[in-house]
C-alpha atoms as a PDB file:
ATOM      1  CA  MET A   1      20.609  46.289  -8.970  1.00  0.00           C
ATOM      2  CA  SER A   2      21.312  44.994  -5.456  1.00  0.00           C
ATOM      3  CA  PHE A   3      18.721  43.331  -3.254  1.00  0.00           C
ATOM      4  CA  ALA A   4      18.702  46.251  -0.802  1.00  0.00           C
ATOM      5  CA  GLU A   5      18.147  48.800  -3.599  1.00  0.00           C
ATOM      6  CA  THR A   6      15.351  46.676  -5.022  1.00  0.00           C
ATOM      7  CA  VAL A   7      13.621  46.389  -1.640  1.00  0.00           C
ATOM      8  CA  LEU A   8      13.859  50.164  -1.160  1.00  0.00           C
ATOM      9  CA  LEU A   9      12.259  50.810  -4.556  1.00  0.00           C
ATOM     10  CA  GLY A  10       9.531  48.304  -3.733  1.00  0.00           C
ATOM     11  CA  ALA A  11       8.771  50.115  -0.489  1.00  0.00           C
ATOM     12  CA  ILE A  12       8.521  53.460  -2.320  1.00  0.00           C
ATOM     13  CA  ALA A  13       6.203  51.977  -4.936  1.00  0.00           C
ATOM     14  CA  GLY A  14       3.955  50.369  -2.352  1.00  0.00           C
ATOM     15  CA  PHE A  15       3.556  52.971   0.321  1.00  0.00           C
ATOM     16  CA  THR A  16       2.624  55.894  -1.953  1.00  0.00           C
ATOM     17  CA  ILE A  17      -0.866  54.495  -1.330  1.00  0.00           C
ATOM     18  CA  TYR A  18      -0.822  56.623   1.848  1.00  0.00           C
ATOM     19  CA  ILE A  19      -0.962  59.785  -0.284  1.00  0.00           C
ATOM     20  CA  GLY A  20      -4.670  59.319  -0.989  1.00  0.00           C
ATOM     21  CA  LEU A  21      -5.798  57.693   2.271  1.00  0.00           C
ATOM     22  CA  PRO A  22      -5.998  60.874   4.440  1.00  0.00           C
ATOM     23  CA  LEU A  23      -8.866  62.033   2.212  1.00  0.00           C
ATOM     24  CA  GLY A  24     -11.040  59.689   4.292  1.00  0.00           C
ATOM     25  CA  ARG A  25     -10.585  62.008   7.294  1.00  0.00           C
ATOM     26  CA  MET A  26     -12.032  65.059   5.515  1.00  0.00           C
ATOM     27  CA  GLU A  27     -15.020  66.628   7.236  1.00  0.00           C
ATOM     28  CA  ARG A  28     -17.934  68.667   5.862  1.00  0.00           C
ATOM     29  CA  VAL A  29     -17.871  66.928   2.522  1.00  0.00           C
ATOM     30  CA  SER A  30     -21.190  67.028   0.663  1.00  0.00           C
ATOM     31  CA  GLY A  31     -23.036  63.904  -0.410  1.00  0.00           C
ATOM     32  CA  ARG A  32     -22.469  64.866  -4.025  1.00  0.00           C
ATOM     33  CA  THR A  33     -18.711  65.035  -3.481  1.00  0.00           C
ATOM     34  CA  ARG A  34     -18.655  61.687  -1.650  1.00  0.00           C
ATOM     35  CA  LEU A  35     -20.571  60.103  -4.506  1.00  0.00           C
ATOM     36  CA  ALA A  36     -18.059  61.509  -6.974  1.00  0.00           C
ATOM     37  CA  LEU A  37     -15.181  60.089  -4.968  1.00  0.00           C
ATOM     38  CA  ALA A  38     -16.867  56.694  -4.738  1.00  0.00           C
ATOM     39  CA  MET A  39     -17.437  56.515  -8.481  1.00  0.00           C
ATOM     40  CA  PHE A  40     -13.897  57.742  -9.144  1.00  0.00           C
ATOM     41  CA  SER A  41     -12.696  54.773  -7.092  1.00  0.00           C
ATOM     42  CA  VAL A  42     -14.928  52.448  -9.129  1.00  0.00           C
ATOM     43  CA  GLY A  43     -13.237  53.743 -12.288  1.00  0.00           C
ATOM     44  CA  ILE A  44      -9.809  53.031 -10.813  1.00  0.00           C
ATOM     45  CA  LEU A  45     -10.913  49.566  -9.738  1.00  0.00           C
ATOM     46  CA  ALA A  46     -12.404  48.893 -13.177  1.00  0.00           C
ATOM     47  CA  PHE A  47      -9.027  49.680 -14.744  1.00  0.00           C
ATOM     48  CA  ILE A  48      -7.203  47.448 -12.234  1.00  0.00           C
ATOM     49  CA  PHE A  49      -9.638  44.655 -13.073  1.00  0.00           C
ATOM     50  CA  MET A  50      -8.881  45.048 -16.765  1.00  0.00           C
ATOM     51  CA  ASP A  51      -5.167  45.212 -16.005  1.00  0.00           C
ATOM     52  CA  VAL A  52      -4.999  42.055 -13.886  1.00  0.00           C
ATOM     53  CA  SER A  53      -7.236  40.168 -16.376  1.00  0.00           C
ATOM     54  CA  ALA A  54      -4.910  41.068 -19.260  1.00  0.00           C
ATOM     55  CA  HIS A  55      -1.805  40.054 -17.328  1.00  0.00           C
ATOM     56  CA  GLY A  56      -3.344  36.791 -16.239  1.00  0.00           C
ATOM     57  CA  GLU A  57      -4.484  35.981 -19.773  1.00  0.00           C
ATOM     58  CA  ALA A  58      -1.024  36.849 -21.128  1.00  0.00           C
ATOM     59  CA  ILE A  59       0.594  34.247 -18.863  1.00  0.00           C
ATOM     60  CA  ILE A  60      -1.727  31.510 -20.198  1.00  0.00           C
ATOM     61  CA  GLU A  61      -1.250  32.701 -23.765  1.00  0.00           C
ATOM     62  CA  ALA A  62       2.505  32.431 -23.400  1.00  0.00           C
ATOM     63  CA  ALA A  63       2.100  28.782 -22.290  1.00  0.00           C
ATOM     64  CA  LEU A  64      -0.175  28.116 -25.291  1.00  0.00           C
ATOM     65  CA  ARG A  65       2.353  29.658 -27.668  1.00  0.00           C
ATOM     66  CA  THR A  66       5.019  27.367 -26.257  1.00  0.00           C
ATOM     67  CA  TYR A  67       2.749  24.379 -26.853  1.00  0.00           C
ATOM     68  CA  LYS A  68       1.989  25.518 -30.418  1.00  0.00           C
ATOM     69  CA  ARG A  69       5.670  25.970 -31.159  1.00  0.00           C
ATOM     70  CA  THR A  70       7.038  22.822 -29.529  1.00  0.00           C
ATOM     71  CA  GLY A  71       4.023  20.519 -29.392  1.00  0.00           C
ATOM     72  CA  SER A  72       4.522  19.944 -25.663  1.00  0.00           C
ATOM     73  CA  GLY A  73       3.362  21.661 -22.514  1.00  0.00           C
ATOM     74  CA  LEU A  74      -0.389  21.425 -22.996  1.00  0.00           C
ATOM     75  CA  PRO A  75      -0.983  20.070 -19.443  1.00  0.00           C
ATOM     76  CA  HIS A  76       0.956  23.053 -18.125  1.00  0.00           C
ATOM     77  CA  ALA A  77      -1.259  25.505 -20.046  1.00  0.00           C
ATOM     78  CA  LEU A  78      -4.414  23.721 -18.868  1.00  0.00           C
ATOM     79  CA  GLY A  79      -3.113  23.750 -15.316  1.00  0.00           C
ATOM     80  CA  LEU A  80      -2.581  27.521 -15.500  1.00  0.00           C
ATOM     81  CA  PHE A  81      -6.140  27.980 -16.755  1.00  0.00           C
ATOM     82  CA  ALA A  82      -7.449  25.873 -13.873  1.00  0.00           C
ATOM     83  CA  LEU A  83      -5.371  28.002 -11.483  1.00  0.00           C
ATOM     84  CA  LEU A  84      -6.912  31.115 -13.004  1.00  0.00           C
ATOM     85  CA  ALA A  85     -10.444  29.701 -12.606  1.00  0.00           C
ATOM     86  CA  VAL A  86      -9.957  28.632  -8.984  1.00  0.00           C
ATOM     87  CA  GLY A  87      -8.246  31.886  -7.993  1.00  0.00           C
ATOM     88  CA  PHE A  88     -10.855  34.107  -9.641  1.00  0.00           C
ATOM     89  CA  THR A  89     -13.708  32.177  -8.048  1.00  0.00           C
ATOM     90  CA  ALA A  90     -12.046  32.309  -4.662  1.00  0.00           C
ATOM     91  CA  GLY A  91     -11.459  36.051  -5.013  1.00  0.00           C
ATOM     92  CA  ALA A  92     -15.049  36.836  -5.965  1.00  0.00           C
ATOM     93  CA  ALA A  93     -17.240  34.321  -4.150  1.00  0.00           C
ATOM     94  CA  GLY A  94     -14.773  33.653  -1.322  1.00  0.00           C
ATOM     95  CA  ILE A  95     -14.468  37.249  -0.201  1.00  0.00           C
ATOM     96  CA  GLY A  96     -18.228  37.722  -0.527  1.00  0.00           C
ATOM     97  CA  THR A  97     -18.853  34.698   1.702  1.00  0.00           C
ATOM     98  CA  LEU A  98     -16.265  35.867   4.237  1.00  0.00           C
ATOM     99  CA  GLU A  99     -17.732  39.372   4.418  1.00  0.00           C
ATOM    100  CA  ARG A 100     -21.231  37.974   4.918  1.00  0.00           C
ATOM    101  CA  ARG A 101     -20.037  35.888   7.833  1.00  0.00           C
ATOM    102  CA  LEU A 102     -18.241  38.836   9.357  1.00  0.00           C
ATOM    103  CA  ARG A 103     -21.362  40.932   8.972  1.00  0.00           C
ATOM    104  CA  GLY A 104     -23.444  38.365  10.847  1.00  0.00           C
ATOM    105  CA  ALA A 105     -27.135  38.432  11.351  1.00  0.00           C
ATOM    106  CA  ARG A 106     -28.643  41.885  11.874  1.00  0.00           C
ATOM    107  CA  VAL A 107     -32.030  42.450  13.318  1.00  0.00           C
ATOM    108  CA  ALA A 108     -33.821  45.472  11.880  1.00  0.00           C
ATOM    109  CA  VAL A 109     -35.176  47.965  14.379  1.00  0.00           C
ATOM    110  CA  LYS A 110     -38.775  49.009  13.744  1.00  0.00           C
ATOM    111  CA  PRO A 111     -39.463  52.771  13.833  1.00  0.00           C
ATOM    112  CA  PRO A 112     -41.872  54.076  16.453  1.00  0.00           C
ATOM    113  CA  VAL A 113     -45.487  54.376  15.417  1.00  0.00           C
ATOM    114  CA  ALA A 114     -46.665  58.000  15.197  1.00  0.00           C
ATOM    115  CA  GLY A 115     -49.426  59.022  17.567  1.00  0.00           C
ATOM    116  CA  GLY A 116     -50.788  57.396  20.708  1.00  0.00           C
ATOM    117  CA  GLU A 117     -49.135  56.721  23.981  1.00  0.00           C
ATOM    118  CA  GLN A 118     -46.230  54.813  22.422  1.00  0.00           C
ATOM    119  CA  THR A 119     -44.730  57.989  20.970  1.00  0.00           C
ATOM    120  CA  ALA A 120     -45.069  59.777  24.253  1.00  0.00           C
ATOM    121  CA  THR A 121     -42.766  57.279  25.912  1.00  0.00           C
ATOM    122  CA  ILE A 122     -40.181  55.966  23.466  1.00  0.00           C
ATOM    123  CA  PRO A 123     -38.311  53.228  25.341  1.00  0.00           C
ATOM    124  CA  ALA A 124     -34.638  53.819  25.961  1.00  0.00           C
ATOM    125  CA  GLN A 125     -33.901  50.362  24.571  1.00  0.00           C
ATOM    126  CA  GLU A 126     -35.473  51.404  21.247  1.00  0.00           C
ATOM    127  CA  LEU A 127     -33.205  54.438  21.051  1.00  0.00           C
ATOM    128  CA  ARG A 128     -30.292  52.159  21.734  1.00  0.00           C
ATOM    129  CA  GLY A 129     -31.518  50.045  18.839  1.00  0.00           C
ATOM    130  CA  TYR A 130     -31.203  52.989  16.470  1.00  0.00           C
ATOM    131  CA  ASP A 131     -27.689  53.637  17.730  1.00  0.00           C
ATOM    132  CA  HIS A 132     -26.911  50.016  17.048  1.00  0.00           C
ATOM    133  CA  GLU A 133     -28.148  50.367  13.451  1.00  0.00           C
ATOM    134  CA  VAL A 134     -25.914  53.400  12.886  1.00  0.00           C
ATOM    135  CA  ASP A 135     -22.961  51.593  14.345  1.00  0.00           C
ATOM    136  CA  ALA A 136     -23.668  48.531  12.179  1.00  0.00           C
ATOM    137  CA  ALA A 137     -23.784  50.722   9.039  1.00  0.00           C
ATOM    138  CA  ARG A 138     -20.445  52.262  10.013  1.00  0.00           C
ATOM    139  CA  ARG A 139     -18.864  48.845  10.532  1.00  0.00           C
ATOM    140  CA  ALA A 140     -20.228  47.664   7.154  1.00  0.00           C
ATOM    141  CA  ALA A 141     -18.683  50.676   5.378  1.00  0.00           C
ATOM    142  CA  LEU A 142     -15.322  50.113   7.034  1.00  0.00           C
ATOM    143  CA  ARG A 143     -15.451  46.436   6.110  1.00  0.00           C
ATOM    144  CA  THR A 144     -16.056  47.350   2.486  1.00  0.00           C
ATOM    145  CA  GLY A 145     -13.081  49.747   2.539  1.00  0.00           C
ATOM    146  CA  MET A 146     -10.864  47.070   4.056  1.00  0.00           C
ATOM    147  CA  THR A 147     -12.072  44.553   1.468  1.00  0.00           C
ATOM    148  CA  ILE A 148     -11.015  47.003  -1.242  1.00  0.00           C
ATOM    149  CA  ALA A 149      -7.614  47.324   0.442  1.00  0.00           C
ATOM    150  CA  LEU A 150      -7.281  43.524   0.444  1.00  0.00           C
ATOM    151  CA  ALA A 151      -8.202  43.263  -3.253  1.00  0.00           C
ATOM    152  CA  ILE A 152      -5.729  46.022  -4.166  1.00  0.00           C
ATOM    153  CA  GLY A 153      -3.092  44.334  -2.010  1.00  0.00           C
ATOM    154  CA  LEU A 154      -3.424  41.101  -3.979  1.00  0.00           C
ATOM    155  CA  HIS A 155      -2.978  43.061  -7.188  1.00  0.00           C
ATOM    156  CA  ASN A 156      -0.024  44.983  -5.802  1.00  0.00           C
ATOM    157  CA  PHE A 157       1.765  41.783  -4.759  1.00  0.00           C
ATOM    158  CA  ALA A 158       1.826  40.729  -8.401  1.00  0.00           C
ATOM    159  CA  GLU A 159       3.145  44.179  -9.330  1.00  0.00           C
ATOM    160  CA  GLY A 160       5.906  43.783  -6.753  1.00  0.00           C
ATOM    161  CA  LEU A 161       6.830  40.445  -8.287  1.00  0.00           C
ATOM    162  CA  ALA A 162       7.337  42.233 -11.628  1.00  0.00           C
ATOM    163  CA  ILE A 163       9.641  44.818 -10.027  1.00  0.00           C
ATOM    164  CA  GLY A 164      11.712  42.150  -8.291  1.00  0.00           C
ATOM    165  CA  VAL A 165      12.075  39.979 -11.362  1.00  0.00           C
ATOM    166  CA  SER A 166      13.124  42.944 -13.538  1.00  0.00           C
ATOM    167  CA  ALA A 167      15.703  44.106 -11.012  1.00  0.00           C
ATOM    168  CA  LYS A 168      17.125  40.622 -10.572  1.00  0.00           C
ATOM    169  CA  SER A 169      17.466  40.141 -14.341  1.00  0.00           C
ATOM    170  CA  GLY A 170      19.504  43.358 -14.601  1.00  0.00           C
ATOM    171  CA  ALA A 171      16.820  45.405 -16.374  1.00  0.00           C
ATOM    172  CA  ILE A 172      17.469  48.391 -14.106  1.00  0.00           C
ATOM    173  CA  GLY A 173      15.826  50.937 -16.392  1.00  0.00           C
ATOM    174  CA  LEU A 174      12.673  48.854 -16.649  1.00  0.00           C
ATOM    175  CA  ALA A 175      12.587  48.215 -12.920  1.00  0.00           C
ATOM    176  CA  THR A 176      12.946  51.933 -12.207  1.00  0.00           C
ATOM    177  CA  VAL A 177      10.122  52.855 -14.584  1.00  0.00           C
ATOM    178  CA  LEU A 178       7.975  50.102 -13.102  1.00  0.00           C
ATOM    179  CA  VAL A 179       8.512  51.621  -9.670  1.00  0.00           C
ATOM    180  CA  ILE A 180       7.502  55.083 -10.910  1.00  0.00           C
ATOM    181  CA  GLY A 181       4.458  53.766 -12.691  1.00  0.00           C
ATOM    182  CA  PHE A 182       3.309  51.578  -9.813  1.00  0.00           C
ATOM    183  CA  ALA A 183       3.929  54.419  -7.349  1.00  0.00           C
ATOM    184  CA  LEU A 184       1.539  56.618  -9.381  1.00  0.00           C
ATOM    185  CA  HIS A 185      -0.907  53.738  -9.477  1.00  0.00           C
ATOM    186  CA  ASN A 186      -0.806  53.191  -5.732  1.00  0.00           C
ATOM    187  CA  ALA A 187      -1.219  56.890  -5.013  1.00  0.00           C
ATOM    188  CA  THR A 188      -4.619  56.776  -6.772  1.00  0.00           C
ATOM    189  CA  GLU A 189      -5.523  53.467  -5.112  1.00  0.00           C
ATOM    190  CA  GLY A 190      -5.656  55.257  -1.734  1.00  0.00           C
ATOM    191  CA  PHE A 191      -8.642  57.236  -3.091  1.00  0.00           C
ATOM    192  CA  GLY A 192     -10.166  53.926  -4.167  1.00  0.00           C
ATOM    193  CA  ILE A 193     -10.102  52.660  -0.599  1.00  0.00           C
ATOM    194  CA  VAL A 194     -11.636  55.652   1.171  1.00  0.00           C
ATOM    195  CA  GLY A 195     -13.931  56.876  -1.615  1.00  0.00           C
ATOM    196  CA  PRO A 196     -16.758  54.373  -0.938  1.00  0.00           C
ATOM    197  CA  LEU A 197     -16.823  55.070   2.847  1.00  0.00           C
ATOM    198  CA  GLY A 198     -19.434  57.794   2.358  1.00  0.00           C
ATOM    199  CA  GLY A 199     -19.988  59.796   5.521  1.00  0.00           C
ATOM    200  CA  VAL A 200     -17.998  57.376   7.699  1.00  0.00           C
ATOM    201  CA  LYS A 201     -14.821  58.956   9.069  1.00  0.00           C
ATOM    202  CA  PRO A 202     -12.147  56.281   9.683  1.00  0.00           C
ATOM    203  CA  THR A 203      -9.587  56.543  12.440  1.00  0.00           C
ATOM    204  CA  TRP A 204      -5.940  57.154  11.704  1.00  0.00           C
ATOM    205  CA  ARG A 205      -5.252  53.624  12.920  1.00  0.00           C
ATOM    206  CA  TRP A 206      -7.763  52.218  10.391  1.00  0.00           C
ATOM    207  CA  LEU A 207      -6.101  54.205   7.573  1.00  0.00           C
ATOM    208  CA  ALA A 208      -2.664  52.935   8.659  1.00  0.00           C
ATOM    209  CA  VAL A 209      -3.848  49.326   8.593  1.00  0.00           C
ATOM    210  CA  ALA A 210      -5.646  49.774   5.253  1.00  0.00           C
ATOM    211  CA  GLY A 211      -2.500  51.268   3.712  1.00  0.00           C
ATOM    212  CA  LEU A 212      -0.416  48.410   5.056  1.00  0.00           C
ATOM    213  CA  ILE A 213      -2.830  45.828   3.599  1.00  0.00           C
ATOM    214  CA  GLY A 214      -3.115  47.626   0.244  1.00  0.00           C
ATOM    215  CA  GLY A 215       0.450  48.874  -0.256  1.00  0.00           C
ATOM    216  CA  GLY A 216       2.559  46.486   1.819  1.00  0.00           C
ATOM    217  CA  PRO A 217       2.196  43.557  -0.636  1.00  0.00           C
ATOM    218  CA  THR A 218       4.091  45.589  -3.290  1.00  0.00           C
ATOM    219  CA  PHE A 219       7.032  45.619  -0.907  1.00  0.00           C
ATOM    220  CA  LEU A 220       6.678  41.912  -0.123  1.00  0.00           C
ATOM    221  CA  GLY A 221       6.194  41.024  -3.775  1.00  0.00           C
ATOM    222  CA  THR A 222       9.418  42.828  -4.667  1.00  0.00           C
ATOM    223  CA  ILE A 223      11.337  40.689  -2.162  1.00  0.00           C
ATOM    224  CA  VAL A 224       9.780  37.445  -3.446  1.00  0.00           C
ATOM    225  CA  GLY A 225      10.193  38.437  -7.105  1.00  0.00           C
ATOM    226  CA  TYR A 226      13.906  39.089  -6.590  1.00  0.00           C
ATOM    227  CA  GLN A 227      14.312  35.563  -5.245  1.00  0.00           C
ATOM    228  CA  VAL A 228      11.745  33.575  -7.302  1.00  0.00           C
ATOM    229  CA  ASP A 229      10.494  33.958 -10.874  1.00  0.00           C
ATOM    230  CA  SER A 230       7.211  32.025 -11.058  1.00  0.00           C
ATOM    231  CA  ALA A 231       4.501  32.603 -13.645  1.00  0.00           C
ATOM    232  CA  ALA A 232       2.098  30.389 -11.635  1.00  0.00           C
ATOM    233  CA  LEU A 233       2.607  32.535  -8.525  1.00  0.00           C
ATOM    234  CA  GLN A 234       1.918  35.723 -10.492  1.00  0.00           C
ATOM    235  CA  LEU A 235      -1.180  34.190 -12.057  1.00  0.00           C
ATOM    236  CA  THR A 236      -2.509  33.141  -8.657  1.00  0.00           C
ATOM    237  CA  PHE A 237      -2.428  36.677  -7.314  1.00  0.00           C
ATOM    238  CA  TYR A 238      -3.748  38.169 -10.544  1.00  0.00           C
ATOM    239  CA  ALA A 239      -6.728  35.782 -10.393  1.00  0.00           C
ATOM    240  CA  LEU A 240      -7.431  36.413  -6.726  1.00  0.00           C
ATOM    241  CA  ALA A 241      -7.195  40.177  -7.270  1.00  0.00           C
ATOM    242  CA  GLY A 242      -9.477  40.090 -10.335  1.00  0.00           C
ATOM    243  CA  GLY A 243     -12.206  38.195  -8.514  1.00  0.00           C
ATOM    244  CA  ALA A 244     -12.007  40.351  -5.408  1.00  0.00           C
ATOM    245  CA  ILE A 245     -12.057  43.599  -7.397  1.00  0.00           C
ATOM    246  CA  LEU A 246     -15.080  42.511  -9.408  1.00  0.00           C
ATOM    247  CA  TYR A 247     -16.934  41.725  -6.175  1.00  0.00           C
ATOM    248  CA  VAL A 248     -16.015  45.091  -4.672  1.00  0.00           C
ATOM    249  CA  ILE A 249     -17.139  46.992  -7.772  1.00  0.00           C
ATOM    250  CA  GLY A 250     -20.531  45.322  -7.518  1.00  0.00           C
ATOM    251  CA  GLU A 251     -20.838  46.238  -3.835  1.00  0.00           C
ATOM    252  CA  ILE A 252     -19.934  49.892  -4.373  1.00  0.00           C
ATOM    253  CA  TRP A 253     -22.171  50.231  -7.433  1.00  0.00           C
ATOM    254  CA  THR A 254     -25.139  48.810  -5.509  1.00  0.00           C
ATOM    255  CA  GLY A 255     -24.558  51.272  -2.707  1.00  0.00           C
ATOM    256  CA  VAL A 256     -24.084  54.466  -4.702  1.00  0.00           C
ATOM    257  CA  ARG A 257     -26.847  54.014  -7.289  1.00  0.00           C
ATOM    258  CA  ARG A 258     -29.394  54.873  -4.578  1.00  0.00           C
ATOM    259  CA  LEU A 259     -27.813  58.297  -4.000  1.00  0.00           C
ATOM    260  CA  GLY A 260     -28.731  59.899  -7.335  1.00  0.00           C
ATOM    261  CA  HIS A 261     -26.417  62.181  -9.356  1.00  0.00           C
ATOM    262  CA  ARG A 262     -26.235  59.453 -12.002  1.00  0.00           C
ATOM    263  CA  GLU A 263     -24.551  61.545 -14.696  1.00  0.00           C
ATOM    264  CA  LEU A 264     -21.919  62.894 -12.318  1.00  0.00           C
ATOM    265  CA  GLY A 265     -21.193  59.383 -11.157  1.00  0.00           C
ATOM    266  CA  LEU A 266     -20.696  58.088 -14.676  1.00  0.00           C
ATOM    267  CA  TYR A 267     -18.386  60.951 -15.566  1.00  0.00           C
ATOM    268  CA  MET A 268     -16.280  60.288 -12.456  1.00  0.00           C
ATOM    269  CA  LEU A 269     -16.215  56.567 -13.247  1.00  0.00           C
ATOM    270  CA  ALA A 270     -14.814  57.360 -16.706  1.00  0.00           C
ATOM    271  CA  PHE A 271     -12.336  59.819 -15.182  1.00  0.00           C
ATOM    272  CA  GLY A 272     -11.042  57.254 -12.696  1.00  0.00           C
ATOM    273  CA  PHE A 273     -10.662  54.655 -15.467  1.00  0.00           C
ATOM    274  CA  LEU A 274      -8.692  57.123 -17.625  1.00  0.00           C
ATOM    275  CA  VAL A 275      -6.436  58.060 -14.701  1.00  0.00           C
ATOM    276  CA  GLY A 276      -5.640  54.363 -14.314  1.00  0.00           C
ATOM    277  CA  ILE A 277      -4.786  54.087 -17.984  1.00  0.00           C
ATOM    278  CA  ALA A 278      -2.638  57.216 -17.872  1.00  0.00           C
ATOM    279  CA  THR A 279      -0.518  55.919 -15.008  1.00  0.00           C
ATOM    280  CA  ASP A 280      -0.222  52.540 -16.716  1.00  0.00           C
ATOM    281  CA  LEU A 281       1.118  54.199 -19.861  1.00  0.00           C
ATOM    282  CA  VAL A 282       4.164  55.237 -17.863  1.00  0.00           C
ATOM    283  CA  VAL A 283       4.881  51.574 -17.191  1.00  0.00           C
ATOM    284  CA  GLY A 284       4.185  50.672 -20.815  1.00  0.00           C
ATOM    285  CA  TYR A 285       6.463  53.385 -22.127  1.00  0.00           C
ATOM    286  CA  GLY A 286       9.336  52.166 -19.977  1.00  0.00           C
ATOM    287  CA  GLY A 287       8.720  48.591 -21.077  1.00  0.00           C
ATOM    288  CA  ALA A 288       8.712  49.645 -24.725  1.00  0.00           C
END
């Protein structure tokens, strides 16, 4: 398969993420439906976490098998494990620290006291304070969505590496099936980005940027994978993605558990997880 054909397939696999993103622009969606979408996205993210963890562990296991067979290469295996540890920690704690700094210090606005002369003349600056709180909540939701897009993008870069390596090695059938499978994956990942936004309606520009961050790395990974075959590079992005996804799952779960509809949320979580497995089976079938 030529480089140009490989790049085209990588673009198709990556940018199907835009299929699910327009859902974030839907209006008049009930709180129950938004909760269901948020928990569906948690299920998808839970599958992706399992997927990247398994791939990362497989890379280290391969190095250990080489050491067991030949008696050499133990430092390489230990180095890969250290890379996994550093990348995972950076993905989880690093993104959490970065988001906290972006959020900055917020000063809570006290509600007006009922009764008395104070309620008769609510200061305009206090009303502006409430508007500020609403705007801050909107920005926080959009930051969470963009963090999800970043975590998914790290994962998708590693997927793109797999497509590029397969195409370069001449495994055209495998590369094609990988593209189909990852395209299905990425289509559901768009729901994962906008699901936790709740009642916040993102702009088309925000959706375009989120899709570029989440899906673009598949395209870039395909280019890099066609040129370079590096287990350490794949492991780095798997580790970063795993840590970031675990952080995002915790953030979404904390937010939605206050909204009720617990049983519905758990069913949607399971459904999202199963959808992730179903799309991954396409990739597994092609690899088999």
